[in-house]
Amino acid sequence: MIIRPARPGDAGVVMAILNDMIDTTSITFTTERKSLQAVQDDIAARGRAFLVVEVAGVAAGYARYFPFRGGPGYARTKEHSIALAPQARGCGAGRALMSALAAEARREGVHSLIAAVSGENPAGRAFHAAIGFTEIAVLPEVGFKFERWIDLVLMQKRL
């Protein structure tokens, strides 16, 4: 398993992971599929704040961070996202990605990372709790997908 900064050539794999989540789960509340160009642009914009994991020599997941809110007062707090292809689940890839992402965030002077987890994603909540995130808020019924309202759980890890 290798963790490395994302490259433009990883955009197809990242796009496939994202679009599968968008189409089939309530892990993300968005319903708009990602284009290859949008993912390439995101990779280019984030630099070392966008990492991928390779499993058996193939990109199989990503983690990235981005501004939590606008304005200079929030500059040291970042929100993150992480997603893995099925073949990368259960082998420590998620923990390795998040460890590397937190190290990069610390290097950049980030004070805390925020995870915004769907209330319908107990595995995501458990994963974040296991790596040191604390649940700080539940926002009831702020997401709407698949014709139902979904809670959003905010979790925080101080770096």
N, C-alpha and C. Protein backbone atom coordinates (compact mmCIF):
# COMPACT_ATOMS: atom_id res chain seq x y z
N MET A 1 0.85 -1.17 0.00
CA MET A 1 0.00 0.00 0.00
C MET A 1 0.90 1.24 0.00
N ILE A 2 0.57 2.17 -0.88
CA ILE A 2 1.33 3.41 -1.01
C ILE A 2 0.36 4.59 -0.90
N ILE A 3 0.74 5.59 -0.10
CA ILE A 3 -0.01 6.84 -0.01
C ILE A 3 0.84 7.90 -0.71
N ARG A 4 0.21 8.65 -1.60
CA ARG A 4 0.96 9.67 -2.34
C ARG A 4 0.02 10.80 -2.75
N PRO A 5 0.60 11.96 -3.11
CA PRO A 5 -0.25 13.04 -3.64
C PRO A 5 -0.95 12.58 -4.92
N ALA A 6 -2.18 13.01 -5.08
CA ALA A 6 -2.94 12.68 -6.29
C ALA A 6 -2.30 13.33 -7.50
N ARG A 7 -2.43 12.65 -8.62
CA ARG A 7 -1.94 13.16 -9.91
C ARG A 7 -3.12 13.26 -10.87
N PRO A 8 -2.99 14.06 -11.92
CA PRO A 8 -4.10 14.19 -12.87
C PRO A 8 -4.60 12.84 -13.39
N GLY A 9 -3.71 11.89 -13.57
CA GLY A 9 -4.10 10.57 -14.06
C GLY A 9 -4.96 9.77 -13.09
N ASP A 10 -5.04 10.20 -11.83
CA ASP A 10 -5.88 9.52 -10.84
C ASP A 10 -7.34 9.96 -10.93
N ALA A 11 -7.61 11.00 -11.70
CA ALA A 11 -8.95 11.58 -11.73
C ALA A 11 -10.02 10.58 -12.14
N GLY A 12 -9.74 9.69 -13.05
CA GLY A 12 -10.74 8.72 -13.49
C GLY A 12 -11.17 7.79 -12.37
N VAL A 13 -10.20 7.31 -11.58
CA VAL A 13 -10.52 6.43 -10.46
C VAL A 13 -11.31 7.19 -9.40
N VAL A 14 -10.84 8.39 -9.06
CA VAL A 14 -11.54 9.20 -8.05
C VAL A 14 -12.96 9.50 -8.52
N MET A 15 -13.11 9.87 -9.79
CA MET A 15 -14.44 10.16 -10.34
C MET A 15 -15.35 8.93 -10.23
N ALA A 16 -14.84 7.76 -10.54
CA ALA A 16 -15.65 6.54 -10.46
C ALA A 16 -16.09 6.26 -9.03
N ILE A 17 -15.20 6.43 -8.07
CA ILE A 17 -15.54 6.22 -6.66
C ILE A 17 -16.62 7.22 -6.24
N LEU A 18 -16.40 8.49 -6.57
CA LEU A 18 -17.36 9.54 -6.20
C LEU A 18 -18.72 9.31 -6.85
N ASN A 19 -18.73 9.04 -8.13
CA ASN A 19 -20.01 8.88 -8.83
C ASN A 19 -20.78 7.66 -8.35
N ASP A 20 -20.09 6.60 -7.98
CA ASP A 20 -20.78 5.45 -7.40
C ASP A 20 -21.43 5.83 -6.07
N MET A 21 -20.70 6.57 -5.23
CA MET A 21 -21.27 7.03 -3.96
C MET A 21 -22.47 7.95 -4.19
N ILE A 22 -22.33 8.86 -5.15
CA ILE A 22 -23.41 9.80 -5.45
C ILE A 22 -24.66 9.05 -5.91
N ASP A 23 -24.47 8.08 -6.79
CA ASP A 23 -25.60 7.36 -7.39
C ASP A 23 -26.28 6.38 -6.44
N THR A 24 -25.52 5.77 -5.53
CA THR A 24 -26.05 4.62 -4.81
C THR A 24 -26.15 4.75 -3.30
N THR A 25 -25.62 5.84 -2.72
CA THR A 25 -25.61 5.92 -1.25
C THR A 25 -26.10 7.29 -0.77
N SER A 26 -26.37 7.33 0.52
CA SER A 26 -26.66 8.60 1.18
C SER A 26 -25.45 9.07 1.99
N ILE A 27 -24.28 8.53 1.69
CA ILE A 27 -23.04 8.97 2.35
C ILE A 27 -22.77 10.43 1.98
N THR A 28 -23.06 10.78 0.74
CA THR A 28 -22.99 12.17 0.31
C THR A 28 -24.41 12.60 -0.05
N PHE A 29 -24.72 13.86 0.21
CA PHE A 29 -26.06 14.35 -0.09
C PHE A 29 -26.17 14.88 -1.51
N THR A 30 -25.05 15.04 -2.19
CA THR A 30 -25.13 15.57 -3.55
C THR A 30 -25.75 14.55 -4.50
N THR A 31 -26.39 15.07 -5.51
CA THR A 31 -26.97 14.22 -6.55
C THR A 31 -26.34 14.52 -7.90
N GLU A 32 -25.41 15.44 -7.93
CA GLU A 32 -24.76 15.83 -9.18
C GLU A 32 -23.47 15.05 -9.36
N ARG A 33 -23.42 14.25 -10.43
CA ARG A 33 -22.23 13.46 -10.74
C ARG A 33 -21.05 14.37 -11.04
N LYS A 34 -19.86 13.88 -10.76
CA LYS A 34 -18.62 14.63 -11.01
C LYS A 34 -18.12 14.32 -12.42
N SER A 35 -17.63 15.34 -13.08
CA SER A 35 -17.00 15.15 -14.39
C SER A 35 -15.51 14.90 -14.21
N LEU A 36 -14.90 14.31 -15.21
CA LEU A 36 -13.46 14.09 -15.17
C LEU A 36 -12.73 15.41 -15.02
N GLN A 37 -13.16 16.43 -15.75
CA GLN A 37 -12.50 17.74 -15.68
C GLN A 37 -12.62 18.35 -14.28
N ALA A 38 -13.78 18.22 -13.65
CA ALA A 38 -13.96 18.77 -12.30
C ALA A 38 -13.03 18.09 -11.30
N VAL A 39 -12.86 16.79 -11.41
CA VAL A 39 -11.96 16.07 -10.50
C VAL A 39 -10.51 16.44 -10.80
N GLN A 40 -10.14 16.55 -12.07
CA GLN A 40 -8.78 16.98 -12.42
C GLN A 40 -8.50 18.37 -11.86
N ASP A 41 -9.47 19.27 -11.97
CA ASP A 41 -9.30 20.63 -11.45
C ASP A 41 -9.14 20.62 -9.93
N ASP A 42 -9.91 19.78 -9.25
CA ASP A 42 -9.81 19.68 -7.80
C ASP A 42 -8.44 19.15 -7.38
N ILE A 43 -7.95 18.14 -8.06
CA ILE A 43 -6.62 17.60 -7.77
C ILE A 43 -5.57 18.70 -7.96
N ALA A 44 -5.65 19.43 -9.05
CA ALA A 44 -4.68 20.49 -9.32
C ALA A 44 -4.75 21.59 -8.27
N ALA A 45 -5.94 21.93 -7.82
CA ALA A 45 -6.12 23.02 -6.86
C ALA A 45 -5.63 22.65 -5.46
N ARG A 46 -5.71 21.39 -5.08
CA ARG A 46 -5.41 20.99 -3.70
C ARG A 46 -3.94 20.68 -3.46
N GLY A 47 -3.20 20.28 -4.48
CA GLY A 47 -1.79 19.92 -4.27
C GLY A 47 -1.67 18.76 -3.29
N ARG A 48 -0.84 18.96 -2.25
CA ARG A 48 -0.59 17.89 -1.28
C ARG A 48 -1.76 17.67 -0.32
N ALA A 49 -2.81 18.48 -0.45
CA ALA A 49 -4.00 18.30 0.38
C ALA A 49 -4.98 17.33 -0.29
N PHE A 50 -4.53 16.62 -1.32
CA PHE A 50 -5.35 15.62 -2.02
C PHE A 50 -4.45 14.39 -2.21
N LEU A 51 -4.72 13.36 -1.45
CA LEU A 51 -3.89 12.15 -1.46
C LEU A 51 -4.67 10.97 -2.03
N VAL A 52 -3.95 10.01 -2.58
CA VAL A 52 -4.55 8.75 -3.01
C VAL A 52 -3.81 7.60 -2.35
N VAL A 53 -4.51 6.48 -2.26
CA VAL A 53 -3.89 5.25 -1.80
C VAL A 53 -3.85 4.29 -2.97
N GLU A 54 -2.71 3.66 -3.15
CA GLU A 54 -2.57 2.60 -4.15
C GLU A 54 -2.60 1.27 -3.43
N VAL A 55 -3.39 0.36 -3.93
CA VAL A 55 -3.44 -1.01 -3.42
C VAL A 55 -3.11 -1.90 -4.61
N ALA A 56 -2.08 -2.72 -4.45
CA ALA A 56 -1.60 -3.59 -5.53
C ALA A 56 -1.28 -2.76 -6.78
N GLY A 57 -0.70 -1.58 -6.57
CA GLY A 57 -0.24 -0.76 -7.68
C GLY A 57 -1.30 0.05 -8.39
N VAL A 58 -2.54 0.05 -7.87
CA VAL A 58 -3.64 0.76 -8.52
C VAL A 58 -4.27 1.73 -7.52
N ALA A 59 -4.52 2.97 -7.96
CA ALA A 59 -5.21 3.93 -7.10
C ALA A 59 -6.57 3.35 -6.71
N ALA A 60 -6.87 3.37 -5.41
CA ALA A 60 -8.09 2.72 -4.93
C ALA A 60 -8.82 3.54 -3.87
N GLY A 61 -8.48 4.80 -3.74
CA GLY A 61 -9.17 5.64 -2.77
C GLY A 61 -8.46 6.97 -2.66
N TYR A 62 -9.14 7.91 -2.00
CA TYR A 62 -8.57 9.24 -1.85
C TYR A 62 -8.99 9.84 -0.51
N ALA A 63 -8.24 10.83 -0.09
CA ALA A 63 -8.61 11.70 1.03
C ALA A 63 -8.11 13.09 0.67
N ARG A 64 -8.91 14.10 1.03
CA ARG A 64 -8.53 15.47 0.72
C ARG A 64 -9.12 16.39 1.78
N TYR A 65 -8.52 17.57 1.92
CA TYR A 65 -9.13 18.57 2.78
C TYR A 65 -9.25 19.88 2.02
N PHE A 66 -10.14 20.73 2.56
CA PHE A 66 -10.52 21.96 1.88
C PHE A 66 -11.06 22.91 2.94
N PRO A 67 -11.25 24.19 2.60
CA PRO A 67 -11.73 25.14 3.61
C PRO A 67 -13.05 24.69 4.24
N PHE A 68 -13.13 24.84 5.56
CA PHE A 68 -14.36 24.53 6.28
C PHE A 68 -15.39 25.63 6.04
N ARG A 69 -14.96 26.85 6.17
CA ARG A 69 -15.81 28.02 5.91
C ARG A 69 -14.89 29.11 5.37
N GLY A 70 -15.49 30.12 4.74
CA GLY A 70 -14.72 31.22 4.21
C GLY A 70 -14.28 32.19 5.30
N GLY A 71 -13.32 33.00 4.98
CA GLY A 71 -12.86 34.04 5.90
C GLY A 71 -11.60 33.65 6.65
N PRO A 72 -10.79 34.62 7.00
CA PRO A 72 -9.50 34.35 7.62
C PRO A 72 -9.59 33.69 9.00
N GLY A 73 -10.67 33.93 9.72
CA GLY A 73 -10.81 33.32 11.05
C GLY A 73 -10.93 31.81 11.02
N TYR A 74 -11.29 31.25 9.86
CA TYR A 74 -11.45 29.80 9.73
C TYR A 74 -10.27 29.15 8.99
N ALA A 75 -9.25 29.91 8.69
CA ALA A 75 -8.17 29.41 7.82
C ALA A 75 -7.46 28.17 8.36
N ARG A 76 -7.45 27.97 9.67
CA ARG A 76 -6.74 26.82 10.24
C ARG A 76 -7.66 25.66 10.59
N THR A 77 -8.89 25.73 10.13
CA THR A 77 -9.83 24.61 10.27
C THR A 77 -10.21 24.16 8.87
N LYS A 78 -10.08 22.87 8.62
CA LYS A 78 -10.38 22.32 7.30
C LYS A 78 -11.39 21.18 7.45
N GLU A 79 -12.22 21.04 6.43
CA GLU A 79 -13.10 19.88 6.33
C GLU A 79 -12.41 18.88 5.42
N HIS A 80 -12.70 17.62 5.61
CA HIS A 80 -12.08 16.62 4.74
C HIS A 80 -13.13 15.66 4.19
N SER A 81 -12.72 14.95 3.16
CA SER A 81 -13.51 13.84 2.65
C SER A 81 -12.57 12.68 2.38
N ILE A 82 -13.11 11.48 2.48
CA ILE A 82 -12.35 10.27 2.23
C ILE A 82 -13.30 9.25 1.62
N ALA A 83 -12.81 8.51 0.65
CA ALA A 83 -13.61 7.44 0.05
C ALA A 83 -12.67 6.39 -0.51
N LEU A 84 -13.10 5.15 -0.39
CA LEU A 84 -12.31 4.02 -0.86
C LEU A 84 -13.12 3.16 -1.81
N ALA A 85 -12.44 2.62 -2.80
CA ALA A 85 -13.05 1.60 -3.65
C ALA A 85 -13.21 0.32 -2.81
N PRO A 86 -14.13 -0.55 -3.18
CA PRO A 86 -14.36 -1.76 -2.36
C PRO A 86 -13.10 -2.57 -2.07
N GLN A 87 -12.19 -2.69 -3.03
CA GLN A 87 -11.00 -3.51 -2.82
C GLN A 87 -10.03 -2.91 -1.79
N ALA A 88 -10.23 -1.64 -1.41
CA ALA A 88 -9.33 -1.00 -0.45
C ALA A 88 -9.92 -0.96 0.95
N ARG A 89 -11.12 -1.45 1.13
CA ARG A 89 -11.78 -1.40 2.45
C ARG A 89 -11.33 -2.57 3.32
N GLY A 90 -11.17 -2.28 4.60
CA GLY A 90 -10.87 -3.33 5.57
C GLY A 90 -9.42 -3.75 5.63
N CYS A 91 -8.53 -3.03 4.95
CA CYS A 91 -7.11 -3.43 4.96
C CYS A 91 -6.22 -2.35 5.56
N GLY A 92 -6.81 -1.34 6.19
CA GLY A 92 -6.03 -0.26 6.79
C GLY A 92 -5.77 0.92 5.88
N ALA A 93 -6.28 0.88 4.66
CA ALA A 93 -6.04 1.97 3.71
C ALA A 93 -6.64 3.28 4.20
N GLY A 94 -7.83 3.23 4.77
CA GLY A 94 -8.47 4.45 5.27
C GLY A 94 -7.68 5.09 6.39
N ARG A 95 -7.23 4.28 7.33
CA ARG A 95 -6.42 4.80 8.44
C ARG A 95 -5.11 5.38 7.92
N ALA A 96 -4.48 4.69 6.98
CA ALA A 96 -3.22 5.19 6.42
C ALA A 96 -3.43 6.52 5.70
N LEU A 97 -4.50 6.61 4.91
CA LEU A 97 -4.81 7.86 4.21
C LEU A 97 -5.03 9.00 5.20
N MET A 98 -5.84 8.75 6.23
CA MET A 98 -6.14 9.81 7.18
C MET A 98 -4.93 10.21 8.01
N SER A 99 -4.07 9.27 8.32
CA SER A 99 -2.83 9.59 9.04
C SER A 99 -1.95 10.50 8.19
N ALA A 100 -1.81 10.17 6.91
CA ALA A 100 -1.01 10.99 6.00
C ALA A 100 -1.65 12.35 5.78
N LEU A 101 -2.97 12.38 5.67
CA LEU A 101 -3.67 13.65 5.46
C LEU A 101 -3.52 14.55 6.69
N ALA A 102 -3.65 13.98 7.87
CA ALA A 102 -3.47 14.77 9.10
C ALA A 102 -2.04 15.29 9.21
N ALA A 103 -1.07 14.49 8.82
CA ALA A 103 0.33 14.94 8.85
C ALA A 103 0.53 16.11 7.90
N GLU A 104 -0.04 16.04 6.72
CA GLU A 104 0.07 17.14 5.76
C GLU A 104 -0.63 18.39 6.30
N ALA A 105 -1.80 18.20 6.90
CA ALA A 105 -2.53 19.33 7.47
C ALA A 105 -1.71 19.99 8.59
N ARG A 106 -1.11 19.20 9.46
CA ARG A 106 -0.26 19.75 10.53
C ARG A 106 0.89 20.55 9.93
N ARG A 107 1.52 19.99 8.91
CA ARG A 107 2.64 20.67 8.25
C ARG A 107 2.21 22.03 7.71
N GLU A 108 0.96 22.11 7.27
CA GLU A 108 0.43 23.34 6.70
C GLU A 108 -0.12 24.30 7.77
N GLY A 109 -0.08 23.90 9.05
CA GLY A 109 -0.54 24.75 10.13
C GLY A 109 -2.02 24.64 10.45
N VAL A 110 -2.66 23.57 9.98
CA VAL A 110 -4.07 23.35 10.27
C VAL A 110 -4.20 22.94 11.74
N HIS A 111 -5.18 23.52 12.43
CA HIS A 111 -5.42 23.22 13.84
C HIS A 111 -6.41 22.08 14.03
N SER A 112 -7.46 22.03 13.20
CA SER A 112 -8.42 20.94 13.35
C SER A 112 -9.02 20.55 12.01
N LEU A 113 -9.39 19.28 11.95
CA LEU A 113 -10.09 18.73 10.80
C LEU A 113 -11.53 18.43 11.19
N ILE A 114 -12.45 18.72 10.29
CA ILE A 114 -13.86 18.46 10.49
C ILE A 114 -14.30 17.36 9.53
N ALA A 115 -15.07 16.41 10.06
CA ALA A 115 -15.72 15.39 9.24
C ALA A 115 -17.21 15.66 9.29
N ALA A 116 -17.84 15.80 8.14
CA ALA A 116 -19.29 15.96 8.04
C ALA A 116 -19.83 14.63 7.53
N VAL A 117 -20.41 13.84 8.43
CA VAL A 117 -20.77 12.45 8.15
C VAL A 117 -22.30 12.32 8.10
N SER A 118 -22.79 11.67 7.08
CA SER A 118 -24.23 11.40 6.98
C SER A 118 -24.71 10.62 8.21
N GLY A 119 -25.86 11.01 8.72
CA GLY A 119 -26.45 10.27 9.83
C GLY A 119 -26.79 8.84 9.45
N GLU A 120 -26.83 8.55 8.16
CA GLU A 120 -27.11 7.19 7.69
C GLU A 120 -25.82 6.41 7.40
N ASN A 121 -24.70 6.89 7.92
CA ASN A 121 -23.41 6.25 7.69
C ASN A 121 -22.76 5.88 9.03
N PRO A 122 -23.31 4.88 9.74
CA PRO A 122 -22.72 4.52 11.03
C PRO A 122 -21.28 4.02 10.90
N ALA A 123 -20.93 3.40 9.80
CA ALA A 123 -19.55 2.94 9.61
C ALA A 123 -18.60 4.14 9.53
N GLY A 124 -19.03 5.20 8.86
CA GLY A 124 -18.22 6.42 8.77
C GLY A 124 -18.03 7.07 10.12
N ARG A 125 -19.08 7.08 10.93
CA ARG A 125 -18.98 7.64 12.29
C ARG A 125 -18.03 6.80 13.13
N ALA A 126 -18.15 5.49 13.06
CA ALA A 126 -17.29 4.60 13.83
C ALA A 126 -15.83 4.73 13.39
N PHE A 127 -15.62 4.81 12.08
CA PHE A 127 -14.25 4.98 11.56
C PHE A 127 -13.62 6.24 12.12
N HIS A 128 -14.33 7.36 12.03
CA HIS A 128 -13.77 8.62 12.51
C HIS A 128 -13.54 8.60 14.03
N ALA A 129 -14.46 8.00 14.77
CA ALA A 129 -14.26 7.89 16.22
C ALA A 129 -13.01 7.07 16.53
N ALA A 130 -12.79 6.01 15.77
CA ALA A 130 -11.63 5.13 16.01
C ALA A 130 -10.30 5.83 15.72
N ILE A 131 -10.32 6.87 14.89
CA ILE A 131 -9.06 7.57 14.59
C ILE A 131 -8.98 8.92 15.30
N GLY A 132 -9.79 9.10 16.33
CA GLY A 132 -9.64 10.25 17.21
C GLY A 132 -10.55 11.43 16.98
N PHE A 133 -11.56 11.29 16.12
CA PHE A 133 -12.54 12.36 15.93
C PHE A 133 -13.61 12.25 17.02
N THR A 134 -14.09 13.41 17.47
CA THR A 134 -15.14 13.49 18.47
C THR A 134 -16.39 14.07 17.84
N GLU A 135 -17.53 13.48 18.13
CA GLU A 135 -18.79 14.01 17.63
C GLU A 135 -19.08 15.32 18.36
N ILE A 136 -19.31 16.39 17.58
CA ILE A 136 -19.53 17.70 18.20
C ILE A 136 -20.91 18.26 17.94
N ALA A 137 -21.62 17.75 16.94
CA ALA A 137 -22.96 18.27 16.65
C ALA A 137 -23.71 17.32 15.73
N VAL A 138 -25.01 17.32 15.88
CA VAL A 138 -25.89 16.66 14.93
C VAL A 138 -26.83 17.73 14.40
N LEU A 139 -26.84 17.89 13.09
CA LEU A 139 -27.73 18.84 12.44
C LEU A 139 -28.89 18.04 11.86
N PRO A 140 -30.04 18.08 12.53
CA PRO A 140 -31.16 17.25 12.10
C PRO A 140 -31.72 17.66 10.74
N GLU A 141 -31.93 16.68 9.91
CA GLU A 141 -32.65 16.83 8.64
C GLU A 141 -32.15 18.00 7.78
N VAL A 142 -30.84 18.10 7.60
CA VAL A 142 -30.29 19.16 6.74
C VAL A 142 -29.98 18.66 5.34
N GLY A 143 -29.92 17.35 5.16
CA GLY A 143 -29.69 16.78 3.83
C GLY A 143 -30.97 16.14 3.31
N PHE A 144 -31.13 16.18 2.00
CA PHE A 144 -32.31 15.55 1.39
C PHE A 144 -31.84 14.76 0.18
N LYS A 145 -32.08 13.48 0.22
CA LYS A 145 -31.69 12.60 -0.88
C LYS A 145 -32.57 11.36 -0.84
N PHE A 146 -32.84 10.81 -2.00
CA PHE A 146 -33.67 9.61 -2.12
C PHE A 146 -35.03 9.82 -1.45
N GLU A 147 -35.56 11.03 -1.61
CA GLU A 147 -36.90 11.38 -1.11
C GLU A 147 -37.04 11.30 0.41
N ARG A 148 -35.93 11.54 1.14
CA ARG A 148 -36.02 11.57 2.60
C ARG A 148 -35.01 12.57 3.17
N TRP A 149 -35.32 13.05 4.36
CA TRP A 149 -34.44 13.95 5.09
C TRP A 149 -33.42 13.14 5.86
N ILE A 150 -32.18 13.66 5.91
CA ILE A 150 -31.07 12.93 6.54
C ILE A 150 -30.32 13.90 7.45
N ASP A 151 -29.95 13.42 8.64
CA ASP A 151 -29.15 14.21 9.58
C ASP A 151 -27.70 14.27 9.11
N LEU A 152 -27.01 15.32 9.54
CA LEU A 152 -25.58 15.48 9.30
C LEU A 152 -24.88 15.51 10.64
N VAL A 153 -23.87 14.66 10.81
CA VAL A 153 -23.12 14.58 12.05
C VAL A 153 -21.76 15.24 11.83
N LEU A 154 -21.45 16.24 12.66
CA LEU A 154 -20.15 16.90 12.57
C LEU A 154 -19.23 16.28 13.62
N MET A 155 -18.01 15.93 13.17
CA MET A 155 -17.00 15.37 14.05
C MET A 155 -15.73 16.19 13.87
N GLN A 156 -14.93 16.30 14.92
CA GLN A 156 -13.74 17.14 14.89
C GLN A 156 -12.56 16.41 15.49
N LYS A 157 -11.39 16.66 14.89
CA LYS A 157 -10.14 16.17 15.46
C LYS A 157 -9.17 17.34 15.52
N ARG A 158 -8.74 17.67 16.72
CA ARG A 158 -7.73 18.72 16.87
C ARG A 158 -6.37 18.10 16.61
N LEU A 159 -5.62 18.77 15.78
CA LEU A 159 -4.31 18.24 15.38
C LEU A 159 -3.22 18.75 16.31
